Amino acid sequence: NLKELVDEKVIWKISINDSQYKYDYPKKEHNHVICIKC
């Protein structure tokens, strides 16, 4: 369901690194700053 929600652009899949992802429900338009260490 997470994959389908991303494909349908209901939620965002945010890449932390090459193998780790987090998900976001965009309540409003925004961008992200991501720490490459933590």
PDB file of all heavy atoms in Angstrom:
ATOM      1  N   ASN A   1       0.815  -1.210   0.000  1.00  0.00           N
ATOM      2  CA  ASN A   1       0.000   0.000   0.000  1.00  0.00           C
ATOM      3  C   ASN A   1       0.849   1.260   0.000  1.00  0.00           C
ATOM      4  O   ASN A   1       0.481   2.256  -0.630  1.00  0.00           O
ATOM      5  CB  ASN A   1      -0.972  -0.007   1.178  1.00  0.00           C
ATOM      6  CG  ASN A   1      -2.228  -0.780   0.868  1.00  0.00           C
ATOM      7  OD1 ASN A   1      -3.093  -0.299   0.161  1.00  0.00           O
ATOM      8  ND2 ASN A   1      -2.322  -1.996   1.383  1.00  0.00           N
ATOM      9  N   LEU A   2       1.986   1.246   0.694  1.00  0.00           N
ATOM     10  CA  LEU A   2       2.886   2.398   0.660  1.00  0.00           C
ATOM     11  C   LEU A   2       3.360   2.651  -0.766  1.00  0.00           C
ATOM     12  O   LEU A   2       3.353   3.792  -1.242  1.00  0.00           O
ATOM     13  CB  LEU A   2       4.080   2.190   1.596  1.00  0.00           C
ATOM     14  CG  LEU A   2       3.801   2.324   3.079  1.00  0.00           C
ATOM     15  CD1 LEU A   2       5.008   1.881   3.896  1.00  0.00           C
ATOM     16  CD2 LEU A   2       3.395   3.744   3.434  1.00  0.00           C
ATOM     17  N   LYS A   3       3.745   1.586  -1.466  1.00  0.00           N
ATOM     18  CA  LYS A   3       4.191   1.732  -2.853  1.00  0.00           C
ATOM     19  C   LYS A   3       3.080   2.319  -3.725  1.00  0.00           C
ATOM     20  O   LYS A   3       3.306   3.231  -4.511  1.00  0.00           O
ATOM     21  CB  LYS A   3       4.658   0.387  -3.419  1.00  0.00           C
ATOM     22  CG  LYS A   3       5.165   0.508  -4.851  1.00  0.00           C
ATOM     23  CD  LYS A   3       5.440  -0.829  -5.479  1.00  0.00           C
ATOM     24  CE  LYS A   3       5.894  -0.736  -6.916  1.00  0.00           C
ATOM     25  NZ  LYS A   3       5.280   0.261  -7.750  1.00  0.00           N
ATOM     26  N   GLU A   4       1.870   1.804  -3.571  1.00  0.00           N
ATOM     27  CA  GLU A   4       0.746   2.297  -4.364  1.00  0.00           C
ATOM     28  C   GLU A   4       0.438   3.760  -4.039  1.00  0.00           C
ATOM     29  O   GLU A   4       0.162   4.557  -4.941  1.00  0.00           O
ATOM     30  CB  GLU A   4      -0.485   1.420  -4.135  1.00  0.00           C
ATOM     31  CG  GLU A   4      -0.346   0.042  -4.751  1.00  0.00           C
ATOM     32  CD  GLU A   4      -1.504  -0.895  -4.422  1.00  0.00           C
ATOM     33  OE1 GLU A   4      -2.462  -0.469  -3.731  1.00  0.00           O
ATOM     34  OE2 GLU A   4      -1.444  -2.057  -4.860  1.00  0.00           O
ATOM     35  N   LEU A   5       0.490   4.131  -2.766  1.00  0.00           N
ATOM     36  CA  LEU A   5       0.224   5.521  -2.374  1.00  0.00           C
ATOM     37  C   LEU A   5       1.286   6.463  -2.933  1.00  0.00           C
ATOM     38  O   LEU A   5       0.978   7.590  -3.328  1.00  0.00           O
ATOM     39  CB  LEU A   5       0.142   5.636  -0.847  1.00  0.00           C
ATOM     40  CG  LEU A   5      -1.110   5.019  -0.223  1.00  0.00           C
ATOM     41  CD1 LEU A   5      -0.935   4.857   1.287  1.00  0.00           C
ATOM     42  CD2 LEU A   5      -2.341   5.853  -0.549  1.00  0.00           C
ATOM     43  N   VAL A   6       2.531   6.011  -2.997  1.00  0.00           N
ATOM     44  CA  VAL A   6       3.601   6.805  -3.605  1.00  0.00           C
ATOM     45  C   VAL A   6       3.351   6.920  -5.104  1.00  0.00           C
ATOM     46  O   VAL A   6       3.415   8.019  -5.678  1.00  0.00           O
ATOM     47  CB  VAL A   6       4.991   6.194  -3.325  1.00  0.00           C
ATOM     48  CG1 VAL A   6       6.071   6.846  -4.177  1.00  0.00           C
ATOM     49  CG2 VAL A   6       5.342   6.322  -1.850  1.00  0.00           C
ATOM     50  N   ASP A   7       3.053   5.798  -5.758  1.00  0.00           N
ATOM     51  CA  ASP A   7       2.796   5.805  -7.198  1.00  0.00           C
ATOM     52  C   ASP A   7       1.637   6.722  -7.568  1.00  0.00           C
ATOM     53  O   ASP A   7       1.644   7.363  -8.619  1.00  0.00           O
ATOM     54  CB  ASP A   7       2.500   4.387  -7.708  1.00  0.00           C
ATOM     55  CG  ASP A   7       3.719   3.476  -7.687  1.00  0.00           C
ATOM     56  OD1 ASP A   7       4.858   3.993  -7.523  1.00  0.00           O
ATOM     57  OD2 ASP A   7       3.536   2.244  -7.813  1.00  0.00           O
ATOM     58  N   GLU A   8       0.637   6.791  -6.686  1.00  0.00           N
ATOM     59  CA  GLU A   8      -0.538   7.639  -6.917  1.00  0.00           C
ATOM     60  C   GLU A   8      -0.304   9.082  -6.459  1.00  0.00           C
ATOM     61  O   GLU A   8      -1.199   9.912  -6.544  1.00  0.00           O
ATOM     62  CB  GLU A   8      -1.748   7.043  -6.199  1.00  0.00           C
ATOM     63  CG  GLU A   8      -2.160   5.704  -6.764  1.00  0.00           C
ATOM     64  CD  GLU A   8      -3.172   4.975  -5.895  1.00  0.00           C
ATOM     65  OE1 GLU A   8      -3.735   5.585  -4.952  1.00  0.00           O
ATOM     66  OE2 GLU A   8      -3.400   3.782  -6.153  1.00  0.00           O
ATOM     67  N   LYS A   9       0.880   9.368  -5.932  1.00  0.00           N
ATOM     68  CA  LYS A   9       1.284  10.703  -5.478  1.00  0.00           C
ATOM     69  C   LYS A   9       0.437  11.224  -4.325  1.00  0.00           C
ATOM     70  O   LYS A   9       0.250  12.413  -4.154  1.00  0.00           O
ATOM     71  CB  LYS A   9       1.292  11.684  -6.647  1.00  0.00           C
ATOM     72  CG  LYS A   9       2.267  11.262  -7.714  1.00  0.00           C
ATOM     73  CD  LYS A   9       2.247  12.197  -8.884  1.00  0.00           C
ATOM     74  CE  LYS A   9       3.297  11.703  -9.847  1.00  0.00           C
ATOM     75  NZ  LYS A   9       2.963  11.756 -11.186  1.00  0.00           N
ATOM     76  N   VAL A  10      -0.044  10.286  -3.495  1.00  0.00           N
ATOM     77  CA  VAL A  10      -0.783  10.653  -2.292  1.00  0.00           C
ATOM     78  C   VAL A  10       0.198  10.954  -1.166  1.00  0.00           C
ATOM     79  O   VAL A  10      -0.029  11.841  -0.350  1.00  0.00           O
ATOM     80  CB  VAL A  10      -1.761   9.525  -1.880  1.00  0.00           C
ATOM     81  CG1 VAL A  10      -2.464   9.846  -0.578  1.00  0.00           C
ATOM     82  CG2 VAL A  10      -2.766   9.267  -3.004  1.00  0.00           C
ATOM     83  N   ILE A  11       1.296  10.185  -1.122  1.00  0.00           N
ATOM     84  CA  ILE A  11       2.353  10.393  -0.133  1.00  0.00           C
ATOM     85  C   ILE A  11       3.689  10.502  -0.862  1.00  0.00           C
ATOM     86  O   ILE A  11       3.784  10.155  -2.038  1.00  0.00           O
ATOM     87  CB  ILE A  11       2.400   9.262   0.919  1.00  0.00           C
ATOM     88  CG1 ILE A  11       2.730   7.908   0.273  1.00  0.00           C
ATOM     89  CG2 ILE A  11       1.104   9.207   1.710  1.00  0.00           C
ATOM     90  CD1 ILE A  11       2.948   6.776   1.271  1.00  0.00           C
ATOM     91  N   TRP A  12       4.709  10.970  -0.139  1.00  0.00           N
ATOM     92  CA  TRP A  12       6.059  11.091  -0.702  1.00  0.00           C
ATOM     93  C   TRP A  12       6.969  10.051  -0.079  1.00  0.00           C
ATOM     94  O   TRP A  12       6.900   9.783   1.121  1.00  0.00           O
ATOM     95  CB  TRP A  12       6.646  12.459  -0.415  1.00  0.00           C
ATOM     96  CG  TRP A  12       5.966  13.599  -1.089  1.00  0.00           C
ATOM     97  CD1 TRP A  12       5.172  13.556  -2.207  1.00  0.00           C
ATOM     98  CD2 TRP A  12       6.006  14.967  -0.699  1.00  0.00           C
ATOM     99  NE1 TRP A  12       4.732  14.809  -2.526  1.00  0.00           N
ATOM    100  CE2 TRP A  12       5.228  15.693  -1.617  1.00  0.00           C
ATOM    101  CE3 TRP A  12       6.630  15.638   0.338  1.00  0.00           C
ATOM    102  CZ2 TRP A  12       5.057  17.071  -1.534  1.00  0.00           C
ATOM    103  CZ3 TRP A  12       6.465  17.011   0.423  1.00  0.00           C
ATOM    104  CH2 TRP A  12       5.697  17.717  -0.505  1.00  0.00           C
ATOM    105  N   LYS A  13       7.851   9.495  -0.897  1.00  0.00           N
ATOM    106  CA  LYS A  13       8.904   8.594  -0.436  1.00  0.00           C
ATOM    107  C   LYS A  13      10.201   9.379  -0.502  1.00  0.00           C
ATOM    108  O   LYS A  13      10.606   9.832  -1.569  1.00  0.00           O
ATOM    109  CB  LYS A  13       8.970   7.364  -1.344  1.00  0.00           C
ATOM    110  CG  LYS A  13       9.995   6.340  -0.922  1.00  0.00           C
ATOM    111  CD  LYS A  13       9.928   5.143  -1.886  1.00  0.00           C
ATOM    112  CE  LYS A  13      10.908   4.073  -1.527  1.00  0.00           C
ATOM    113  NZ  LYS A  13      10.797   2.922  -2.466  1.00  0.00           N
ATOM    114  N   ILE A  14      10.841   9.563   0.643  1.00  0.00           N
ATOM    115  CA  ILE A  14      12.027  10.412   0.736  1.00  0.00           C
ATOM    116  C   ILE A  14      13.249   9.529   0.926  1.00  0.00           C
ATOM    117  O   ILE A  14      13.305   8.719   1.851  1.00  0.00           O
ATOM    118  CB  ILE A  14      11.900  11.394   1.918  1.00  0.00           C
ATOM    119  CG1 ILE A  14      10.619  12.218   1.775  1.00  0.00           C
ATOM    120  CG2 ILE A  14      13.124  12.285   2.013  1.00  0.00           C
ATOM    121  CD1 ILE A  14      10.216  12.926   3.044  1.00  0.00           C
ATOM    122  N   SER A  15      14.217   9.683   0.075  1.00  0.00           N
ATOM    123  CA  SER A  15      15.444   8.896   0.144  1.00  0.00           C
ATOM    124  C   SER A  15      16.385   9.482   1.189  1.00  0.00           C
ATOM    125  O   SER A  15      16.761  10.651   1.107  1.00  0.00           O
ATOM    126  CB  SER A  15      16.125   8.882  -1.225  1.00  0.00           C
ATOM    127  OG  SER A  15      17.356   8.232  -1.150  1.00  0.00           O
ATOM    128  N   ILE A  16      16.743   8.659   2.162  1.00  0.00           N
ATOM    129  CA  ILE A  16      17.704   9.075   3.185  1.00  0.00           C
ATOM    130  C   ILE A  16      19.114   8.755   2.694  1.00  0.00           C
ATOM    131  O   ILE A  16      20.037   9.525   2.840  1.00  0.00           O
ATOM    132  CB  ILE A  16      17.445   8.339   4.522  1.00  0.00           C
ATOM    133  CG1 ILE A  16      16.012   8.567   4.979  1.00  0.00           C
ATOM    134  CG2 ILE A  16      18.435   8.771   5.586  1.00  0.00           C
ATOM    135  CD1 ILE A  16      15.624  10.004   5.145  1.00  0.00           C
ATOM    136  N   ASN A  17      19.255   7.572   2.128  1.00  0.00           N
ATOM    137  CA  ASN A  17      20.504   7.145   1.504  1.00  0.00           C
ATOM    138  C   ASN A  17      20.141   6.101   0.448  1.00  0.00           C
ATOM    139  O   ASN A  17      18.972   5.960   0.116  1.00  0.00           O
ATOM    140  CB  ASN A  17      21.508   6.621   2.538  1.00  0.00           C
ATOM    141  CG  ASN A  17      20.942   5.497   3.369  1.00  0.00           C
ATOM    142  OD1 ASN A  17      20.264   4.606   2.858  1.00  0.00           O
ATOM    143  ND2 ASN A  17      21.201   5.534   4.668  1.00  0.00           N
ATOM    144  N   ASP A  18      21.104   5.365  -0.043  1.00  0.00           N
ATOM    145  CA  ASP A  18      20.835   4.413  -1.124  1.00  0.00           C
ATOM    146  C   ASP A  18      19.868   3.296  -0.756  1.00  0.00           C
ATOM    147  O   ASP A  18      19.275   2.680  -1.631  1.00  0.00           O
ATOM    148  CB  ASP A  18      22.145   3.794  -1.620  1.00  0.00           C
ATOM    149  CG  ASP A  18      23.003   4.803  -2.365  1.00  0.00           C
ATOM    150  OD1 ASP A  18      22.455   5.818  -2.829  1.00  0.00           O
ATOM    151  OD2 ASP A  18      24.216   4.573  -2.485  1.00  0.00           O
ATOM    152  N   SER A  19      19.706   3.020   0.532  1.00  0.00           N
ATOM    153  CA  SER A  19      18.873   1.881   0.913  1.00  0.00           C
ATOM    154  C   SER A  19      17.814   2.195   1.966  1.00  0.00           C
ATOM    155  O   SER A  19      17.070   1.317   2.368  1.00  0.00           O
ATOM    156  CB  SER A  19      19.754   0.741   1.420  1.00  0.00           C
ATOM    157  OG  SER A  19      20.460   1.153   2.572  1.00  0.00           O
ATOM    158  N   GLN A  20      17.727   3.433   2.417  1.00  0.00           N
ATOM    159  CA  GLN A  20      16.767   3.774   3.471  1.00  0.00           C
ATOM    160  C   GLN A  20      15.833   4.880   2.991  1.00  0.00           C
ATOM    161  O   GLN A  20      16.279   5.878   2.411  1.00  0.00           O
ATOM    162  CB  GLN A  20      17.491   4.219   4.744  1.00  0.00           C
ATOM    163  CG  GLN A  20      16.549   4.461   5.899  1.00  0.00           C
ATOM    164  CD  GLN A  20      17.270   4.926   7.157  1.00  0.00           C
ATOM    165  OE1 GLN A  20      18.424   5.302   7.126  1.00  0.00           O
ATOM    166  NE2 GLN A  20      16.566   4.910   8.268  1.00  0.00           N
ATOM    167  N   TYR A  21      14.547   4.671   3.265  1.00  0.00           N
ATOM    168  CA  TYR A  21      13.533   5.628   2.854  1.00  0.00           C
ATOM    169  C   TYR A  21      12.595   5.916   4.016  1.00  0.00           C
ATOM    170  O   TYR A  21      12.386   5.076   4.880  1.00  0.00           O
ATOM    171  CB  TYR A  21      12.700   5.070   1.690  1.00  0.00           C
ATOM    172  CG  TYR A  21      13.534   4.732   0.488  1.00  0.00           C
ATOM    173  CD1 TYR A  21      14.041   3.454   0.312  1.00  0.00           C
ATOM    174  CD2 TYR A  21      13.838   5.704  -0.446  1.00  0.00           C
ATOM    175  CE1 TYR A  21      14.825   3.147  -0.787  1.00  0.00           C
ATOM    176  CE2 TYR A  21      14.620   5.406  -1.551  1.00  0.00           C
ATOM    177  CZ  TYR A  21      15.111   4.123  -1.711  1.00  0.00           C
ATOM    178  OH  TYR A  21      15.890   3.820  -2.790  1.00  0.00           O
ATOM    179  N   LYS A  22      12.045   7.119   3.991  1.00  0.00           N
ATOM    180  CA  LYS A  22      10.998   7.492   4.937  1.00  0.00           C
ATOM    181  C   LYS A  22       9.836   8.046   4.126  1.00  0.00           C
ATOM    182  O   LYS A  22       9.992   8.438   2.976  1.00  0.00           O
ATOM    183  CB  LYS A  22      11.510   8.510   5.956  1.00  0.00           C
ATOM    184  CG  LYS A  22      12.542   7.904   6.898  1.00  0.00           C
ATOM    185  CD  LYS A  22      12.859   8.822   8.047  1.00  0.00           C
ATOM    186  CE  LYS A  22      13.841   8.135   8.999  1.00  0.00           C
ATOM    187  NZ  LYS A  22      14.099   8.960  10.178  1.00  0.00           N
ATOM    188  N   TYR A  23       8.671   8.087   4.756  1.00  0.00           N
ATOM    189  CA  TYR A  23       7.454   8.490   4.067  1.00  0.00           C
ATOM    190  C   TYR A  23       6.874   9.736   4.710  1.00  0.00           C
ATOM    191  O   TYR A  23       7.012   9.957   5.905  1.00  0.00           O
ATOM    192  CB  TYR A  23       6.440   7.345   4.080  1.00  0.00           C
ATOM    193  CG  TYR A  23       6.941   6.161   3.284  1.00  0.00           C
ATOM    194  CD1 TYR A  23       7.758   5.198   3.875  1.00  0.00           C
ATOM    195  CD2 TYR A  23       6.642   6.035   1.941  1.00  0.00           C
ATOM    196  CE1 TYR A  23       8.249   4.128   3.142  1.00  0.00           C
ATOM    197  CE2 TYR A  23       7.130   4.969   1.198  1.00  0.00           C
ATOM    198  CZ  TYR A  23       7.936   4.019   1.805  1.00  0.00           C
ATOM    199  OH  TYR A  23       8.431   2.982   1.073  1.00  0.00           O
ATOM    200  N   ASP A  24       6.208  10.534   3.882  1.00  0.00           N
ATOM    201  CA  ASP A  24       5.666  11.815   4.317  1.00  0.00           C
ATOM    202  C   ASP A  24       4.293  12.001   3.682  1.00  0.00           C
ATOM    203  O   ASP A  24       4.122  11.772   2.483  1.00  0.00           O
ATOM    204  CB  ASP A  24       6.609  12.942   3.861  1.00  0.00           C
ATOM    205  CG  ASP A  24       6.273  14.302   4.435  1.00  0.00           C
ATOM    206  OD1 ASP A  24       5.409  14.401   5.317  1.00  0.00           O
ATOM    207  OD2 ASP A  24       6.901  15.284   3.992  1.00  0.00           O
ATOM    208  N   TYR A  25       3.324  12.402   4.492  1.00  0.00           N
ATOM    209  CA  TYR A  25       2.025  12.810   3.959  1.00  0.00           C
ATOM    210  C   TYR A  25       2.092  14.332   3.826  1.00  0.00           C
ATOM    211  O   TYR A  25       2.179  15.038   4.825  1.00  0.00           O
ATOM    212  CB  TYR A  25       0.887  12.398   4.895  1.00  0.00           C
ATOM    213  CG  TYR A  25      -0.454  12.826   4.369  1.00  0.00           C
ATOM    214  CD1 TYR A  25      -1.091  12.069   3.385  1.00  0.00           C
ATOM    215  CD2 TYR A  25      -1.061  13.983   4.817  1.00  0.00           C
ATOM    216  CE1 TYR A  25      -2.312  12.472   2.869  1.00  0.00           C
ATOM    217  CE2 TYR A  25      -2.279  14.393   4.308  1.00  0.00           C
ATOM    218  CZ  TYR A  25      -2.898  13.633   3.339  1.00  0.00           C
ATOM    219  OH  TYR A  25      -4.111  14.040   2.826  1.00  0.00           O
ATOM    220  N   PRO A  26       2.084  14.839   2.603  1.00  0.00           N
ATOM    221  CA  PRO A  26       2.271  16.289   2.419  1.00  0.00           C
ATOM    222  C   PRO A  26       1.007  17.083   2.752  1.00  0.00           C
ATOM    223  O   PRO A  26       0.139  17.280   1.917  1.00  0.00           O
ATOM    224  CB  PRO A  26       2.631  16.398   0.936  1.00  0.00           C
ATOM    225  CG  PRO A  26       2.019  15.191   0.297  1.00  0.00           C
ATOM    226  CD  PRO A  26       1.999  14.121   1.340  1.00  0.00           C
ATOM    227  N   LYS A  27       0.936  17.520   4.011  1.00  0.00           N
ATOM    228  CA  LYS A  27      -0.210  18.329   4.441  1.00  0.00           C
ATOM    229  C   LYS A  27      -0.214  19.678   3.737  1.00  0.00           C
ATOM    230  O   LYS A  27      -1.246  20.292   3.538  1.00  0.00           O
ATOM    231  CB  LYS A  27      -0.153  18.524   5.949  1.00  0.00           C
ATOM    232  CG  LYS A  27      -0.262  17.231   6.730  1.00  0.00           C
ATOM    233  CD  LYS A  27      -0.050  17.456   8.217  1.00  0.00           C
ATOM    234  CE  LYS A  27      -0.102  16.174   8.976  1.00  0.00           C
ATOM    235  NZ  LYS A  27       1.171  15.534   9.209  1.00  0.00           N
ATOM    236  N   LYS A  28       0.970  20.134   3.370  1.00  0.00           N
ATOM    237  CA  LYS A  28       1.134  21.371   2.605  1.00  0.00           C
ATOM    238  C   LYS A  28       2.395  21.230   1.774  1.00  0.00           C
ATOM    239  O   LYS A  28       3.235  20.355   2.031  1.00  0.00           O
ATOM    240  CB  LYS A  28       1.232  22.580   3.535  1.00  0.00           C
ATOM    241  CG  LYS A  28       2.425  22.530   4.464  1.00  0.00           C
ATOM    242  CD  LYS A  28       2.501  23.736   5.361  1.00  0.00           C
ATOM    243  CE  LYS A  28       3.704  23.587   6.276  1.00  0.00           C
ATOM    244  NZ  LYS A  28       4.002  24.779   6.986  1.00  0.00           N
ATOM    245  N   GLU A  29       2.535  22.065   0.793  1.00  0.00           N
ATOM    246  CA  GLU A  29       3.716  22.012  -0.066  1.00  0.00           C
ATOM    247  C   GLU A  29       4.946  22.424   0.738  1.00  0.00           C
ATOM    248  O   GLU A  29       4.933  23.433   1.441  1.00  0.00           O
ATOM    249  CB  GLU A  29       3.516  22.961  -1.252  1.00  0.00           C
ATOM    250  CG  GLU A  29       4.543  22.804  -2.328  1.00  0.00           C
ATOM    251  CD  GLU A  29       4.250  23.677  -3.533  1.00  0.00           C
ATOM    252  OE1 GLU A  29       3.112  24.111  -3.702  1.00  0.00           O
ATOM    253  OE2 GLU A  29       5.195  23.930  -4.293  1.00  0.00           O
ATOM    254  N   HIS A  30       5.985  21.607   0.658  1.00  0.00           N
ATOM    255  CA  HIS A  30       7.228  21.913   1.374  1.00  0.00           C
ATOM    256  C   HIS A  30       8.369  21.095   0.784  1.00  0.00           C
ATOM    257  O   HIS A  30       8.155  20.212  -0.031  1.00  0.00           O
ATOM    258  CB  HIS A  30       7.087  21.632   2.874  1.00  0.00           C
ATOM    259  CG  HIS A  30       6.844  20.191   3.199  1.00  0.00           C
ATOM    260  ND1 HIS A  30       5.596  19.614   3.158  1.00  0.00           N
ATOM    261  CD2 HIS A  30       7.689  19.198   3.586  1.00  0.00           C
ATOM    262  CE1 HIS A  30       5.683  18.344   3.496  1.00  0.00           C
ATOM    263  NE2 HIS A  30       6.950  18.056   3.762  1.00  0.00           N
ATOM    264  N   ASN A  31       9.559  21.406   1.209  1.00  0.00           N
ATOM    265  CA  ASN A  31      10.758  20.691   0.782  1.00  0.00           C
ATOM    266  C   ASN A  31      11.448  20.129   2.012  1.00  0.00           C
ATOM    267  O   ASN A  31      10.963  20.298   3.137  1.00  0.00           O
ATOM    268  CB  ASN A  31      11.671  21.620  -0.022  1.00  0.00           C
ATOM    269  CG  ASN A  31      11.001  22.056  -1.318  1.00  0.00           C
ATOM    270  OD1 ASN A  31      10.665  21.230  -2.150  1.00  0.00           O
ATOM    271  ND2 ASN A  31      10.778  23.348  -1.473  1.00  0.00           N
ATOM    272  N   HIS A  32      12.575  19.440   1.812  1.00  0.00           N
ATOM    273  CA  HIS A  32      13.239  18.763   2.922  1.00  0.00           C
ATOM    274  C   HIS A  32      14.737  19.036   2.961  1.00  0.00           C
ATOM    275  O   HIS A  32      15.378  19.120   1.921  1.00  0.00           O
ATOM    276  CB  HIS A  32      13.044  17.239   2.800  1.00  0.00           C
ATOM    277  CG  HIS A  32      11.617  16.839   2.833  1.00  0.00           C
ATOM    278  ND1 HIS A  32      10.903  16.517   1.708  1.00  0.00           N
ATOM    279  CD2 HIS A  32      10.754  16.719   3.874  1.00  0.00           C
ATOM    280  CE1 HIS A  32       9.672  16.211   2.052  1.00  0.00           C
ATOM    281  NE2 HIS A  32       9.550  16.329   3.352  1.00  0.00           N
ATOM    282  N   VAL A  33      15.250  19.140   4.184  1.00  0.00           N
ATOM    283  CA  VAL A  33      16.687  19.126   4.437  1.00  0.00           C
ATOM    284  C   VAL A  33      16.944  17.816   5.170  1.00  0.00           C
ATOM    285  O   VAL A  33      16.273  17.511   6.159  1.00  0.00           O
ATOM    286  CB  VAL A  33      17.129  20.332   5.294  1.00  0.00           C
ATOM    287  CG1 VAL A  33      18.594  20.209   5.674  1.00  0.00           C
ATOM    288  CG2 VAL A  33      16.876  21.636   4.559  1.00  0.00           C
ATOM    289  N   ILE A  34      17.919  17.036   4.663  1.00  0.00           N
ATOM    290  CA  ILE A  34      18.171  15.703   5.199  1.00  0.00           C
ATOM    291  C   ILE A  34      19.627  15.593   5.624  1.00  0.00           C
ATOM    292  O   ILE A  34      20.530  15.897   4.845  1.00  0.00           O
ATOM    293  CB  ILE A  34      17.859  14.625   4.145  1.00  0.00           C
ATOM    294  CG1 ILE A  34      16.396  14.757   3.696  1.00  0.00           C
ATOM    295  CG2 ILE A  34      18.154  13.230   4.684  1.00  0.00           C
ATOM    296  CD1 ILE A  34      16.058  13.949   2.470  1.00  0.00           C
ATOM    297  N   CYS A  35      19.848  15.157   6.867  1.00  0.00           N
ATOM    298  CA  CYS A  35      21.208  14.966   7.364  1.00  0.00           C
ATOM    299  C   CYS A  35      21.757  13.655   6.813  1.00  0.00           C
ATOM    300  O   CYS A  35      21.141  12.597   6.980  1.00  0.00           O
ATOM    301  CB  CYS A  35      21.234  14.944   8.886  1.00  0.00           C
ATOM    302  SG  CYS A  35      22.905  14.672   9.542  1.00  0.00           S
ATOM    303  N   ILE A  36      22.921  13.712   6.186  1.00  0.00           N
ATOM    304  CA  ILE A  36      23.518  12.509   5.594  1.00  0.00           C
ATOM    305  C   ILE A  36      24.178  11.614   6.639  1.00  0.00           C
ATOM    306  O   ILE A  36      24.520  10.476   6.341  1.00  0.00           O
ATOM    307  CB  ILE A  36      24.541  12.867   4.489  1.00  0.00           C
ATOM    308  CG1 ILE A  36      25.671  13.732   5.038  1.00  0.00           C
ATOM    309  CG2 ILE A  36      23.848  13.534   3.314  1.00  0.00           C
ATOM    310  CD1 ILE A  36      26.793  14.001   4.055  1.00  0.00           C
ATOM    311  N   LYS A  37      24.305  12.105   7.865  1.00  0.00           N
ATOM    312  CA  LYS A  37      24.909  11.277   8.931  1.00  0.00           C
ATOM    313  C   LYS A  37      23.840  10.561   9.752  1.00  0.00           C
ATOM    314  O   LYS A  37      23.906   9.355   9.920  1.00  0.00           O
ATOM    315  CB  LYS A  37      25.788  12.126   9.837  1.00  0.00           C
ATOM    316  CG  LYS A  37      27.086  12.517   9.175  1.00  0.00           C
ATOM    317  CD  LYS A  37      28.100  12.917  10.210  1.00  0.00           C
ATOM    318  CE  LYS A  37      29.421  13.083   9.516  1.00  0.00           C
ATOM    319  NZ  LYS A  37      30.512  12.625  10.317  1.00  0.00           N
ATOM    320  N   CYS A  38      22.859  11.303  10.263  1.00  0.00           N
ATOM    321  CA  CYS A  38      21.871  10.683  11.153  1.00  0.00           C
ATOM    322  C   CYS A  38      20.539  10.399  10.472  1.00  0.00           C
ATOM    323  O   CYS A  38      19.712   9.687  11.026  1.00  0.00           O
ATOM    324  CB  CYS A  38      21.652  11.548  12.388  1.00  0.00           C
ATOM    325  SG  CYS A  38      20.797  13.114  12.069  1.00  0.00           S
TER     326      CYS A  38
END
